[in-house]
Protein backbone atom coordinates (compact mmCIF):
# COMPACT_ATOMS: atom_id res chain seq x y z
CA HIS A 1 57.23 -22.33 9.77
CA PRO A 2 54.97 -19.59 9.08
CA ILE A 3 56.20 -17.68 5.38
CA PRO A 4 58.01 -14.25 6.16
CA CYS A 5 55.86 -11.21 4.87
CA VAL A 6 57.04 -8.75 2.11
CA THR A 7 59.36 -6.16 2.88
CA LYS A 8 61.26 -9.48 5.25
CA LEU A 9 61.55 -11.45 2.37
CA LEU A 10 62.62 -8.42 -0.19
CA GLN A 11 65.48 -8.12 2.79
CA ALA A 12 66.09 -11.39 2.20
CA GLY A 13 66.65 -11.56 -1.48
CA VAL A 14 63.51 -12.83 -2.87
CA TRP A 15 61.64 -10.94 -5.66
CA PHE A 16 58.18 -10.91 -7.11
CA GLU A 17 56.59 -11.49 -10.12
CA SER A 18 52.86 -11.67 -11.24
CA GLY A 19 52.52 -14.99 -12.18
CA GLU A 20 51.38 -16.09 -15.95
CA SER A 21 48.91 -18.84 -14.53
CA SER A 22 45.44 -19.00 -14.96
CA GLU A 23 44.43 -20.97 -11.58
CA MET A 24 44.71 -18.21 -8.60
CA MET A 25 46.22 -20.45 -6.25
CA ASP A 26 49.17 -21.32 -8.30
CA VAL A 27 51.95 -19.85 -6.54
CA GLN A 28 55.33 -20.49 -7.68
CA PHE A 29 58.99 -19.86 -5.97
CA LYS A 30 62.30 -21.09 -8.44
CA ASN A 31 65.55 -19.05 -8.02
CA GLY A 32 64.36 -16.90 -5.37
CA VAL A 33 61.09 -15.75 -7.28
CA MET A 34 57.78 -15.92 -6.05
CA ARG A 35 55.16 -16.00 -8.70
CA ILE A 36 52.10 -14.87 -7.38
CA PRO A 37 48.67 -14.89 -10.08
CA PRO A 38 46.89 -11.76 -10.22
CA ILE A 39 44.16 -11.50 -7.11
CA MET A 40 41.38 -8.74 -7.51
CA ILE A 41 39.74 -8.06 -3.87
CA LEU A 42 36.55 -6.41 -4.20
CA GLU A 43 34.00 -5.16 -1.61
CA ASN A 44 32.25 -8.57 -1.79
CA ALA A 45 35.52 -10.78 -1.68
CA GLU A 46 35.42 -11.33 2.32
CA SER A 47 31.57 -12.95 2.01
CA LEU A 48 32.74 -15.19 -1.36
CA ILE A 49 36.16 -16.73 0.50
CA ARG A 50 34.38 -17.13 4.03
CA ASN A 51 31.85 -18.76 2.98
CA LEU A 52 34.16 -21.05 0.30
CA ILE A 53 36.37 -21.79 3.64
CA ALA A 54 32.97 -22.62 5.55
CA TYR A 55 32.70 -25.34 2.20
CA GLU A 56 35.77 -26.74 2.56
CA GLN A 57 35.49 -27.06 6.39
CA CYS A 58 32.55 -29.26 6.36
CA ASP A 59 33.12 -31.55 3.47
CA ALA A 60 35.79 -34.14 4.38
CA THR A 61 37.04 -34.74 0.79
CA CYS A 62 38.31 -31.17 0.50
CA ARG A 63 41.78 -30.18 0.69
CA ASP A 64 42.14 -26.92 2.52
CA LYS A 65 43.37 -25.12 -0.83
CA ILE A 66 41.27 -21.77 -0.21
CA THR A 67 41.87 -21.74 3.57
CA SER A 68 45.62 -22.11 3.09
CA TYR A 69 46.00 -19.10 0.44
CA ALA A 70 44.61 -17.14 2.40
CA ILE A 71 46.85 -18.36 5.43
CA LEU A 72 49.46 -17.57 2.85
CA LEU A 73 48.18 -13.92 1.77
CA ASN A 74 47.62 -13.43 5.40
CA ASN A 75 51.42 -14.18 6.17
CA LEU A 76 52.38 -12.20 3.32
CA ILE A 77 50.86 -8.88 3.78
CA GLU A 78 51.34 -8.36 7.31
CA SER A 79 51.47 -4.37 6.94
CA GLY A 80 50.23 -1.51 4.28
CA ARG A 81 53.48 -1.26 3.15
CA ASP A 82 53.31 -4.97 2.10
CA LEU A 83 50.17 -4.43 0.28
CA ASP A 84 51.61 -1.44 -1.76
CA TYR A 85 54.48 -3.23 -3.20
CA LEU A 86 52.03 -5.86 -4.13
CA CYS A 87 50.10 -3.86 -5.68
CA GLN A 88 52.54 -2.17 -7.51
CA THR A 89 53.45 -5.37 -9.03
CA GLY A 90 50.59 -6.20 -10.24
CA ILE A 91 49.83 -8.87 -8.13
CA VAL A 92 47.28 -7.50 -6.20
CA THR A 93 44.69 -5.08 -7.36
CA CYS A 94 42.35 -3.72 -4.69
CA TYR A 95 39.42 -1.52 -3.93
CA LEU A 96 39.55 -0.90 -0.27
CA SER A 97 42.01 0.57 1.74
CA SER A 98 45.38 -0.83 2.75
CA GLU A 99 44.54 -1.21 6.98
CA GLU A 100 40.74 -2.63 5.12
CA VAL A 101 42.80 -5.52 2.75
CA SER A 102 45.56 -6.17 5.39
CA SER A 103 42.97 -7.49 8.01
CA PHE A 104 41.05 -8.44 5.48
CA PHE A 105 42.97 -11.87 5.37
CA ARG A 106 43.18 -12.60 9.00
CA ARG A 107 39.65 -12.23 9.80
CA LEU A 108 38.90 -15.06 6.76
CA TYR A 109 40.30 -17.96 8.21
CA SER A 110 40.13 -16.87 12.51
CA ASP A 111 38.00 -20.14 13.27
CA ALA A 112 39.16 -22.65 10.39
CA ASP A 113 41.52 -25.53 10.77
CA VAL A 114 43.77 -26.80 8.37
CA VAL A 115 44.44 -30.73 7.60
CA TYR A 116 46.39 -30.15 4.73
CA TYR A 117 48.64 -26.52 4.23
CA THR A 118 48.88 -26.86 0.51
CA TYR A 119 51.91 -24.65 0.36
CA ALA A 120 53.71 -26.25 2.91
CA LYS A 121 56.50 -26.73 0.99
CA LEU A 122 56.39 -23.46 -0.17
CA SER A 123 57.35 -22.37 2.60
CA GLN A 124 60.27 -24.20 3.44
CA ASP A 125 61.94 -23.62 0.13
CA VAL A 126 61.51 -19.97 0.82
CA ASN A 127 62.42 -20.25 4.34
CA LEU A 128 65.48 -21.80 3.26
CA TYR A 129 66.20 -19.39 0.88
CA CYS A 130 65.90 -16.89 3.71
CA ARG A 131 68.44 -18.42 5.54
CA ALA A 132 71.14 -18.07 2.88
CA ARG A 133 73.49 -15.04 3.21
CA TRP A 134 74.08 -14.96 -0.70
CA PRO A 135 70.58 -13.71 -1.55
CA LYS A 136 70.49 -11.05 1.58
CA TRP A 137 73.83 -9.71 0.67
CA ARG A 138 72.97 -9.09 -3.42
CA ALA A 139 69.69 -7.44 -1.64
CA THR A 140 71.62 -5.62 -0.17
CA LEU A 141 73.71 -4.36 -2.27
CA LEU A 142 71.01 -3.91 -5.33
CA ARG A 143 68.97 -1.90 -2.43
CA ASP A 144 71.92 0.27 -0.92
CA TYR A 145 74.47 1.18 -3.33
CA PHE A 146 73.02 0.01 -6.89
CA ASP A 147 69.78 1.57 -6.80
CA ASN A 148 69.95 3.51 -10.13
CA PRO A 149 71.93 2.77 -13.89
CA TRP A 150 74.42 5.86 -12.69
CA SER A 151 75.62 4.00 -9.77
CA ILE A 152 75.96 1.05 -11.87
CA LEU A 153 77.98 2.96 -14.34
CA SER A 154 80.09 4.88 -12.03
CA PHE A 155 81.26 1.62 -10.73
CA VAL A 156 82.39 -0.13 -13.74
CA ALA A 157 84.04 2.84 -14.77
CA ALA A 158 85.77 2.95 -11.52
CA ILE A 159 86.80 -0.68 -12.13
CA LEU A 160 87.86 -0.24 -15.73
CA PHE A 161 89.73 3.09 -14.83
CA LEU A 162 91.49 0.57 -11.87
CA PHE A 163 92.56 -1.92 -14.62
CA LEU A 164 94.16 0.55 -17.25
CA ASN A 165 96.01 2.39 -14.41
CA PHE A 166 97.14 -1.65 -13.40
CA LEU A 167 97.70 -2.57 -16.68
CA GLN A 168 100.38 0.39 -17.46
């Protein structure tokens, strides 16, 4: 199953962090946190990645790493909102418009065949995590009710007040 977009993953309780790995394609998912090494998208990136994908398609010894990476990012970036969030977290730095980047990954691998999808295990783990109820509930609770420190403080004060009343 393909991995959901960033917006859907956030609703399911997945958090995103900029990865520390020196390898661009070292995407990791552990305990509800997806770590993606930073990527910079420049004007010439499309031709470079297209050429690398074409090379992978021609060389039988290649394992479709770049094609898999393009598919992963295409699945994650479905809209401008997804891209904006990845830019805010420092994962993506782009010098193109949101619409250009969203269509950028769709155009990359349109005719490419993927024999070995590098991120199959990652996609499976993320989809399993998204089906669990607790991460969704926690994400909704944090997003809708505890979105600032004052709401958390007032909740703790209310619980403390009820506890002290109960003791009395």
